[in-house]
Structure formats: C-alpha cells, structure tokens
Amino acid sequence: MTINSRERVLTALRHEQPDRVPRNFWAEPPTWNRLFEYVQHHDRNRLLDDLDIDIRMLEPVTPPEKKLENGWFRNFWGEQYLYRQTNWGPMREDTTGALAEAKNLEELLRFEWPTPDDFDYSGLNEQCQQWNERALLYGFADVWQRPSLVRGLQNMFVDMYEQPEWAHFLSRKFTDFYKEDYTRAMETTNGRIDLFLLISDLGSQKGALISKKMFQQFVAPYIKEMCDHIHSLGAKVLYHSCGNIQTFISGLIECGIDVLDPLQPVPGMEPEKLKTEFGNQLCFHGGIDMQYLLPQGTIEEVRTGVKRYCDILGENGGYILAPAHLFQPDVPPENILAVYDAAYKRQPKFMSNNS
C-alpha cells in the first residue's frame, strides 16, 4: 500500500515499520547555492520534491537583522555575528553577544527583548496547503544554548556558578517566548504541525559541556516545560544537541523528548549503541557523518554509511534519515544526492544530466 510522506513519518514516530525510512533535508545557505549550480535551477521545492524529502519546515516572517557600526550583525535576540565568504556565499560566524558585557541584572532586565508579536504568522496556512501531504516541522526554540550566545558561553558558565539567577532569567525569557510562539503557530495552522524543534547543544566531540548537576538545575527544567507544552499542543518534540551527549540521553527522555538529533557520530554515539539502549524510548534523526564521510568520502562510501544507519536505526521504525548537522558547503553535491538516491521513487532529471 502506498502512503504519503506525512503518514510515513508518523508511522516511523510510532515505532512502526514504514514502507521506507523517511528522510529530512537541511543545509546552510551556501550549500543550497552549490546544489543549485549543480542541478541547474534555483527552486527549493523542486529540489526537495526530486529528492522525495518527507518533511517540510514552516517559517513565519521574523524581524530583519541589524548591521552594527563595527560590521557585525545582530538578530532580534541579541545574538551577534559576522559573515565569512565561501565560494558559494557567506556563512555566519558567531561573535560576542549583546549582553556579554552586562555588569548587573538590571542590564538584562532593560534589554529590548522580543515578543511573538514581532513574528508574522499569516503565511503559515499557505505553506501548509502547499505541503499538504508532507510532515510539517516548525520552530527554532532554544532554552539554553541561544541564551548563552547572547550572554557569551563563558559568561553563562560563570553565571551558573556565581549568579544563577542570571542564567535562570535568560532561560525563562526564551522559554516563555517560544511557548507562546509555538502556541500561535499551532493555532494559526489549525493543529497541522507534526513536530516542533527544540535546541540546546550540550556536548563537545569528547563529552558533556556541563555536569549532570548543572544540567538538572539549569537546563532540564526548561526542556521539560517545553516538551510538556509541545505535547499539550498535540505534536512531537525533535530535540537537537550536537556532540557526545550520551550522559544526558536518559535525562532528556525523562524530560519528554520524542526524537533525538543529530546523532553526531563520535565514540559513545554509535547507532548500534543508541538503538540497543534507547530504541524503545526514542526515535532518531540524522547521524550521517558531516565531518569526514560526506565531505571526503566517495559516493559508494556515502551509500554504505547511509545503509548502515537505515538498517540499524530504521529497524521497526523510529528513524528519520538526515545528516549529522546541516549540510555544509564543502560537501560535494554528488555526495548529498547519494544520501537519498537509494530511495528515489523516480529518476530525477538532474541525476541523468550530471551522472
């Protein structure tokens, strides 16, 4: 029996075996440009359709970034960054956040914090109609890492120890904002959203960024609050953390996450280990190595790596194929296409043109 993309994703999320492993796609802007050059058009939807991607991301209109006098840019949260040029366009590089020099809590209180009133949700229904048969993902909620970008990661670590009320103030600001944001998005789309994204990077390649005690005190309560809220809206939680986070997975499950992303392939995060230890409690998203396999491997090596993850994590459902981070611009287009080509329903025109 043929099922559509949304049914395929929901089947996998129920830990049932779909007709094939569902898949998602996300990439940095320069990567899109490089792919467009390869496929000889600039139509995102056409490219995603040709790759038969099962998930689409809904996006409201958000406030534009501001260019500062020193050439940096600032977004509505106060994250500050500059752009480094690549052969295919500029890449964002984070710098010191707007509150990095704050000397007292009053400065945090006086900051011009955004509200969901700053977002325009009016286009979400049109996006839903356009992708009626796809699973829909919304959001960019972050309750710890993004506050640390505004405050400065080193400052955030110090705050958690010396002035914990600062860290809690920031996480509370972000949590309250995104609870309301997600509510408005779900109401606007009449309950159509299947997954909401929740982000907070907790690991480096070698291990945890913070202790379990700090996680339980400063991160877990806000993750749980977001998970509870998303579940109350009738959707699932796609939780993103880079790095080796094996020490936190059980705690994240207790908080209520449904899908773990991006499964950075470092020691301790092998798919066999993840499936054995957590496969009955979690679904998985990602895992295809962005550091070595995708930028440096051959097409056949990429296909072999993809097959491994699909065979192991996709057994009895519970897996969505995706890279272990956004596709980066140093990944050859042929390798990106190789991630998905084993499951094409049809031969995309650009494959025959460029093969």
Protein backbone atom coordinates (compact mmCIF):
# COMPACT_ATOMS: atom_id res chain seq x y z
CA MET A 1 0.00 0.00 0.00
CA THR A 2 1.32 3.42 -0.96
CA ILE A 3 1.42 6.00 1.83
CA ASN A 4 2.25 9.69 1.63
CA SER A 5 5.16 11.43 3.31
CA ARG A 6 3.26 12.53 6.39
CA GLU A 7 1.90 9.04 7.01
CA ARG A 8 5.41 7.64 6.51
CA VAL A 9 6.91 9.96 9.14
CA LEU A 10 4.09 9.40 11.62
CA THR A 11 4.41 5.65 11.16
CA ALA A 12 8.12 5.81 11.98
CA LEU A 13 7.42 8.02 15.00
CA ARG A 14 5.06 5.35 16.31
CA HIS A 15 7.95 2.86 16.13
CA GLU A 16 6.23 1.01 13.33
CA GLN A 17 7.90 -0.05 10.07
CA PRO A 18 7.03 2.33 7.20
CA ASP A 19 7.38 1.42 3.52
CA ARG A 20 10.83 3.03 3.60
CA VAL A 21 12.88 5.14 6.01
CA PRO A 22 11.54 8.72 5.94
CA ARG A 23 14.03 11.49 5.37
CA ASN A 24 14.68 15.13 6.04
CA PHE A 25 16.98 17.71 4.48
CA TRP A 26 18.59 20.84 5.87
CA ALA A 27 21.57 22.78 4.63
CA GLU A 28 23.49 26.01 5.05
CA PRO A 29 22.62 28.77 2.53
CA PRO A 30 25.94 28.39 0.62
CA THR A 31 25.26 24.66 0.33
CA TRP A 32 21.92 25.40 -1.30
CA ASN A 33 23.73 27.68 -3.75
CA ARG A 34 26.25 24.99 -4.61
CA LEU A 35 23.47 22.45 -5.13
CA PHE A 36 21.51 24.84 -7.34
CA GLU A 37 24.56 25.34 -9.50
CA TYR A 38 24.86 21.56 -9.83
CA VAL A 39 21.21 20.85 -10.65
CA GLN A 40 20.92 23.93 -12.89
CA HIS A 41 17.91 25.58 -11.27
CA HIS A 42 17.11 27.59 -8.11
CA ASP A 43 13.80 26.11 -7.00
CA ARG A 44 13.98 24.74 -3.42
CA ASN A 45 10.65 22.96 -3.54
CA ARG A 46 11.50 21.30 -6.83
CA LEU A 47 14.81 20.07 -5.43
CA LEU A 48 13.20 18.71 -2.25
CA ASP A 49 10.49 17.06 -4.33
CA ASP A 50 13.10 15.47 -6.60
CA LEU A 51 14.86 14.10 -3.52
CA ASP A 52 11.46 12.99 -2.17
CA ILE A 53 12.06 14.63 1.21
CA ASP A 54 9.25 13.77 3.60
CA ILE A 55 9.39 16.79 5.94
CA ARG A 56 8.94 20.49 5.25
CA MET A 57 9.75 23.31 7.64
CA LEU A 58 7.21 26.07 8.21
CA GLU A 59 8.62 29.55 8.66
CA PRO A 60 6.99 32.76 9.92
CA VAL A 61 8.32 36.16 8.93
CA THR A 62 10.75 37.29 11.62
CA PRO A 63 12.34 40.71 12.30
CA PRO A 64 15.28 41.53 10.00
CA GLU A 65 18.81 41.51 11.35
CA LYS A 66 20.57 44.80 12.01
CA LYS A 67 24.02 45.74 10.79
CA LEU A 68 26.16 47.30 13.51
CA GLU A 69 28.78 50.00 13.11
CA ASN A 70 31.64 47.53 13.51
CA GLY A 71 30.37 45.43 10.59
CA TRP A 72 28.79 42.76 12.78
CA PHE A 73 25.13 41.82 12.57
CA ARG A 74 22.59 41.41 15.38
CA ASN A 75 19.34 39.46 15.28
CA PHE A 76 16.20 40.11 17.32
CA TRP A 77 17.53 38.04 20.25
CA GLY A 78 20.81 39.92 20.53
CA GLU A 79 22.98 37.20 19.01
CA GLN A 80 25.82 38.91 17.17
CA TYR A 81 27.77 37.51 14.27
CA LEU A 82 29.61 38.32 11.08
CA TYR A 83 29.66 36.64 7.70
CA ARG A 84 32.65 34.80 6.23
CA GLN A 85 32.70 34.36 2.49
CA THR A 86 32.85 30.92 0.88
CA ASN A 87 32.95 30.06 -2.81
CA TRP A 88 29.16 29.73 -2.71
CA GLY A 89 28.15 32.63 -0.48
CA PRO A 90 28.52 33.94 3.09
CA MET A 91 28.46 31.75 6.23
CA ARG A 92 27.51 33.08 9.65
CA GLU A 93 30.20 33.08 12.34
CA ASP A 94 29.07 33.94 15.88
CA THR A 95 30.86 36.65 17.84
CA THR A 96 30.32 38.29 21.25
CA GLY A 97 26.63 38.53 22.17
CA ALA A 98 24.81 41.75 23.01
CA LEU A 99 24.77 41.05 26.77
CA ALA A 100 28.31 39.77 27.12
CA GLU A 101 29.42 42.93 28.91
CA ALA A 102 26.43 43.19 31.25
CA LYS A 103 27.54 44.12 34.78
CA ASN A 104 24.31 43.66 36.68
CA LEU A 105 20.91 42.03 36.39
CA GLU A 106 19.29 45.40 35.68
CA GLU A 107 21.02 45.44 32.28
CA LEU A 108 19.41 42.12 31.43
CA LEU A 109 16.04 43.43 32.58
CA ARG A 110 16.33 46.59 30.47
CA PHE A 111 17.32 44.77 27.29
CA GLU A 112 14.84 45.14 24.41
CA TRP A 113 13.53 41.57 24.46
CA PRO A 114 11.43 40.35 21.53
CA THR A 115 7.87 39.06 21.83
CA PRO A 116 5.92 36.77 19.49
CA ASP A 117 4.09 39.92 18.37
CA ASP A 118 7.24 40.58 16.34
CA PHE A 119 6.54 37.47 14.21
CA ASP A 120 4.16 37.37 11.25
CA TYR A 121 2.36 34.01 11.14
CA SER A 122 -0.02 34.90 8.31
CA GLY A 123 1.80 32.85 5.68
CA LEU A 124 1.84 29.56 7.59
CA ASN A 125 -1.50 28.30 6.29
CA GLU A 126 -0.43 28.77 2.69
CA GLN A 127 2.71 26.76 3.44
CA CYS A 128 0.57 24.01 4.99
CA GLN A 129 -1.60 23.84 1.88
CA GLN A 130 1.44 23.72 -0.38
CA TRP A 131 2.87 20.76 1.57
CA ASN A 132 -0.39 19.06 2.47
CA GLU A 133 0.99 15.52 2.14
CA ARG A 134 4.29 16.21 3.91
CA ALA A 135 5.07 16.06 7.61
CA LEU A 136 5.46 19.58 8.97
CA LEU A 137 8.17 20.86 11.31
CA TYR A 138 8.16 24.26 12.99
CA GLY A 139 10.41 26.36 15.11
CA PHE A 140 13.82 27.17 16.45
CA ALA A 141 13.23 27.15 20.20
CA ASP A 142 16.37 27.18 22.32
CA VAL A 143 16.30 27.43 26.10
CA TRP A 144 19.98 27.28 27.00
CA GLN A 145 22.46 27.48 24.11
CA ARG A 146 20.91 30.52 22.44
CA PRO A 147 20.74 32.43 25.72
CA SER A 148 24.42 31.59 26.15
CA LEU A 149 25.17 33.10 22.73
CA VAL A 150 23.53 36.35 23.80
CA ARG A 151 25.31 36.32 27.15
CA GLY A 152 28.52 34.63 25.95
CA LEU A 153 29.18 30.94 26.65
CA GLN A 154 32.00 31.57 29.10
CA ASN A 155 29.90 34.15 30.92
CA MET A 156 26.99 31.71 31.05
CA PHE A 157 29.18 29.08 32.70
CA VAL A 158 30.31 31.61 35.30
CA ASP A 159 26.76 32.86 35.85
CA MET A 160 25.52 29.33 36.53
CA TYR A 161 28.03 29.08 39.37
CA GLU A 162 28.30 32.61 40.75
CA GLN A 163 24.96 34.27 39.94
CA PRO A 164 22.46 31.55 38.97
CA GLU A 165 19.56 33.99 38.89
CA TRP A 166 21.09 35.47 35.70
CA ALA A 167 21.12 32.11 33.94
CA HIS A 168 17.57 31.34 35.06
CA PHE A 169 16.39 34.78 33.95
CA LEU A 170 17.72 34.20 30.42
CA SER A 171 16.33 30.68 30.06
CA ARG A 172 12.96 31.85 31.39
CA LYS A 173 12.85 34.65 28.78
CA PHE A 174 13.46 32.21 25.94
CA THR A 175 11.15 29.51 27.29
CA ASP A 176 8.21 31.89 27.73
CA PHE A 177 8.75 33.34 24.26
CA TYR A 178 8.82 30.00 22.49
CA LYS A 179 5.87 28.53 24.37
CA GLU A 180 3.76 31.40 23.08
CA ASP A 181 5.37 31.25 19.62
CA TYR A 182 4.56 27.56 19.30
CA THR A 183 1.01 28.08 20.54
CA ARG A 184 0.38 30.78 17.95
CA ALA A 185 1.89 28.68 15.15
CA MET A 186 -0.29 25.69 16.05
CA GLU A 187 -3.43 27.80 16.36
CA THR A 188 -2.73 29.54 13.04
CA THR A 189 -2.33 26.19 11.25
CA ASN A 190 -5.36 24.60 12.92
CA GLY A 191 -3.26 21.92 14.61
CA ARG A 192 -1.47 20.80 11.46
CA ILE A 193 2.14 20.85 12.78
CA ASP A 194 3.59 17.40 13.50
CA LEU A 195 6.97 18.26 15.02
CA PHE A 196 8.41 21.21 16.91
CA LEU A 197 12.15 21.78 17.07
CA LEU A 198 13.85 22.26 20.44
CA ILE A 199 17.57 23.08 20.54
CA SER A 200 20.31 23.28 23.14
CA ASP A 201 23.80 21.95 22.41
CA LEU A 202 25.05 20.08 25.49
CA GLY A 203 28.13 18.26 24.21
CA SER A 204 31.52 18.64 22.61
CA GLN A 205 33.03 15.90 20.48
CA LYS A 206 34.70 14.43 23.55
CA GLY A 207 31.97 14.73 26.14
CA ALA A 208 29.50 16.89 28.02
CA LEU A 209 29.80 20.67 28.18
CA ILE A 210 28.29 20.79 31.68
CA SER A 211 27.89 18.41 34.59
CA LYS A 212 24.76 16.37 35.20
CA LYS A 213 24.10 18.50 38.26
CA MET A 214 24.22 21.69 36.20
CA PHE A 215 22.04 20.05 33.54
CA GLN A 216 19.40 19.15 36.11
CA GLN A 217 19.47 22.62 37.66
CA PHE A 218 19.72 24.92 34.65
CA VAL A 219 18.64 23.04 31.52
CA ALA A 220 16.34 20.11 32.24
CA PRO A 221 13.50 22.11 33.85
CA TYR A 222 13.14 24.31 30.78
CA ILE A 223 13.42 21.41 28.33
CA LYS A 224 10.72 19.56 30.27
CA GLU A 225 8.50 22.63 30.30
CA MET A 226 8.88 22.99 26.54
CA CYS A 227 8.24 19.27 25.96
CA ASP A 228 5.13 19.32 28.13
CA HIS A 229 3.84 22.34 26.24
CA ILE A 230 4.53 20.85 22.80
CA HIS A 231 2.79 17.63 23.81
CA SER A 232 -0.19 19.65 25.04
CA LEU A 233 -0.40 21.10 21.52
CA GLY A 234 -0.64 17.58 20.11
CA ALA A 235 2.81 17.40 18.50
CA LYS A 236 6.15 15.65 18.95
CA VAL A 237 9.48 17.12 20.12
CA LEU A 238 12.50 16.95 17.82
CA TYR A 239 15.39 17.73 20.16
CA HIS A 240 18.76 18.84 18.74
CA SER A 241 22.11 18.70 20.50
CA CYS A 242 25.45 18.30 18.80
CA GLY A 243 28.35 16.43 20.38
CA ASN A 244 28.73 13.41 22.61
CA ILE A 245 25.67 13.68 24.85
CA GLN A 246 25.31 10.06 25.92
CA THR A 247 25.46 11.13 29.57
CA PHE A 248 22.28 13.22 29.12
CA ILE A 249 20.10 10.95 26.96
CA SER A 250 18.29 9.28 29.86
CA GLY A 251 17.62 12.70 31.39
CA LEU A 252 16.33 14.03 28.08
CA ILE A 253 13.96 11.08 27.82
CA GLU A 254 12.69 11.91 31.32
CA CYS A 255 12.11 15.48 30.14
CA GLY A 256 9.89 14.14 27.37
CA ILE A 257 11.79 14.43 24.10
CA ASP A 258 10.49 12.20 21.30
CA VAL A 259 13.18 12.39 18.61
CA LEU A 260 16.92 12.89 19.14
CA ASP A 261 19.00 14.80 16.58
CA PRO A 262 21.65 14.98 15.07
CA LEU A 263 23.44 11.85 16.42
CA GLN A 264 26.94 13.17 15.88
CA PRO A 265 28.99 10.01 15.09
CA VAL A 266 31.55 10.21 17.88
CA PRO A 267 32.59 7.39 20.25
CA GLY A 268 29.66 6.58 22.51
CA MET A 269 27.05 7.71 19.98
CA GLU A 270 27.24 4.75 17.58
CA PRO A 271 23.89 3.77 16.03
CA GLU A 272 24.13 0.22 17.37
CA LYS A 273 24.55 1.54 20.93
CA LEU A 274 21.78 4.12 20.59
CA LYS A 275 19.29 1.63 19.16
CA THR A 276 20.05 -1.01 21.78
CA GLU A 277 19.94 1.29 24.78
CA PHE A 278 17.26 3.79 23.79
CA GLY A 279 15.45 2.47 20.70
CA ASN A 280 12.31 1.57 22.63
CA GLN A 281 12.08 5.04 24.18
CA LEU A 282 13.30 7.36 21.44
CA CYS A 283 13.17 7.96 17.73
CA PHE A 284 16.31 9.14 15.96
CA HIS A 285 17.04 11.77 13.30
CA GLY A 286 20.33 12.32 11.48
CA GLY A 287 23.63 10.56 12.01
CA ILE A 288 25.25 10.75 8.57
CA ASP A 289 28.77 11.99 9.28
CA MET A 290 29.32 15.62 8.30
CA GLN A 291 32.98 15.84 9.28
CA TYR A 292 34.61 13.11 7.24
CA LEU A 293 32.22 10.86 5.31
CA LEU A 294 30.17 13.47 3.49
CA PRO A 295 32.92 15.98 2.57
CA GLN A 296 35.67 13.41 1.89
CA GLY A 297 34.06 10.05 1.14
CA THR A 298 33.24 8.53 -2.21
CA ILE A 299 29.67 8.12 -3.42
CA GLU A 300 29.79 4.41 -2.60
CA GLU A 301 31.15 5.09 0.87
CA VAL A 302 28.29 7.54 1.48
CA ARG A 303 25.73 4.99 0.31
CA THR A 304 27.28 2.35 2.58
CA GLY A 305 27.17 4.71 5.56
CA VAL A 306 23.56 5.62 4.87
CA LYS A 307 22.58 1.96 4.57
CA ARG A 308 24.16 1.23 7.96
CA TYR A 309 22.10 3.89 9.72
CA CYS A 310 18.89 2.97 7.91
CA ASP A 311 19.33 -0.75 8.62
CA ILE A 312 20.16 -0.30 12.30
CA LEU A 313 18.12 2.69 13.43
CA GLY A 314 15.30 2.12 10.95
CA GLU A 315 14.51 -1.42 12.06
CA ASN A 316 10.88 -1.47 13.26
CA GLY A 317 10.62 2.25 12.59
CA GLY A 318 11.95 5.04 14.76
CA TYR A 319 14.42 6.69 12.36
CA ILE A 320 14.40 9.68 10.01
CA LEU A 321 17.35 9.87 7.62
CA ALA A 322 19.26 13.19 7.72
CA PRO A 323 22.83 14.47 8.04
CA ALA A 324 24.55 14.82 11.42
CA HIS A 325 24.26 18.60 11.03
CA LEU A 326 23.14 20.95 8.29
CA PHE A 327 24.82 20.04 5.00
CA GLN A 328 27.94 22.19 4.82
CA PRO A 329 29.24 23.87 1.63
CA ASP A 330 32.35 21.65 1.50
CA VAL A 331 30.19 18.58 0.80
CA PRO A 332 30.22 17.69 -2.92
CA PRO A 333 26.70 17.80 -4.39
CA GLU A 334 27.14 14.23 -5.62
CA ASN A 335 27.52 13.07 -2.02
CA ILE A 336 24.42 14.92 -0.89
CA LEU A 337 22.41 13.27 -3.64
CA ALA A 338 23.94 9.90 -2.73
CA VAL A 339 22.41 10.19 0.75
CA TYR A 340 18.96 9.96 -0.80
CA ASP A 341 19.32 8.27 -4.19
CA ALA A 342 18.75 4.71 -2.95
CA ALA A 343 15.12 5.52 -2.24
CA TYR A 344 14.10 7.66 -5.21
CA LYS A 345 10.63 6.91 -6.47
CA ARG A 346 11.72 8.25 -9.83
CA GLN A 347 14.97 9.20 -11.51
CA PRO A 348 15.31 12.98 -11.09
CA LYS A 349 16.14 14.78 -14.31
CA PHE A 350 19.27 16.35 -12.86
CA MET A 351 20.69 12.93 -11.96
CA SER A 352 20.85 11.86 -15.57
CA ASN A 353 22.18 15.26 -16.64
CA ASN A 354 25.08 15.19 -14.17
CA SER A 355 25.86 11.49 -13.75
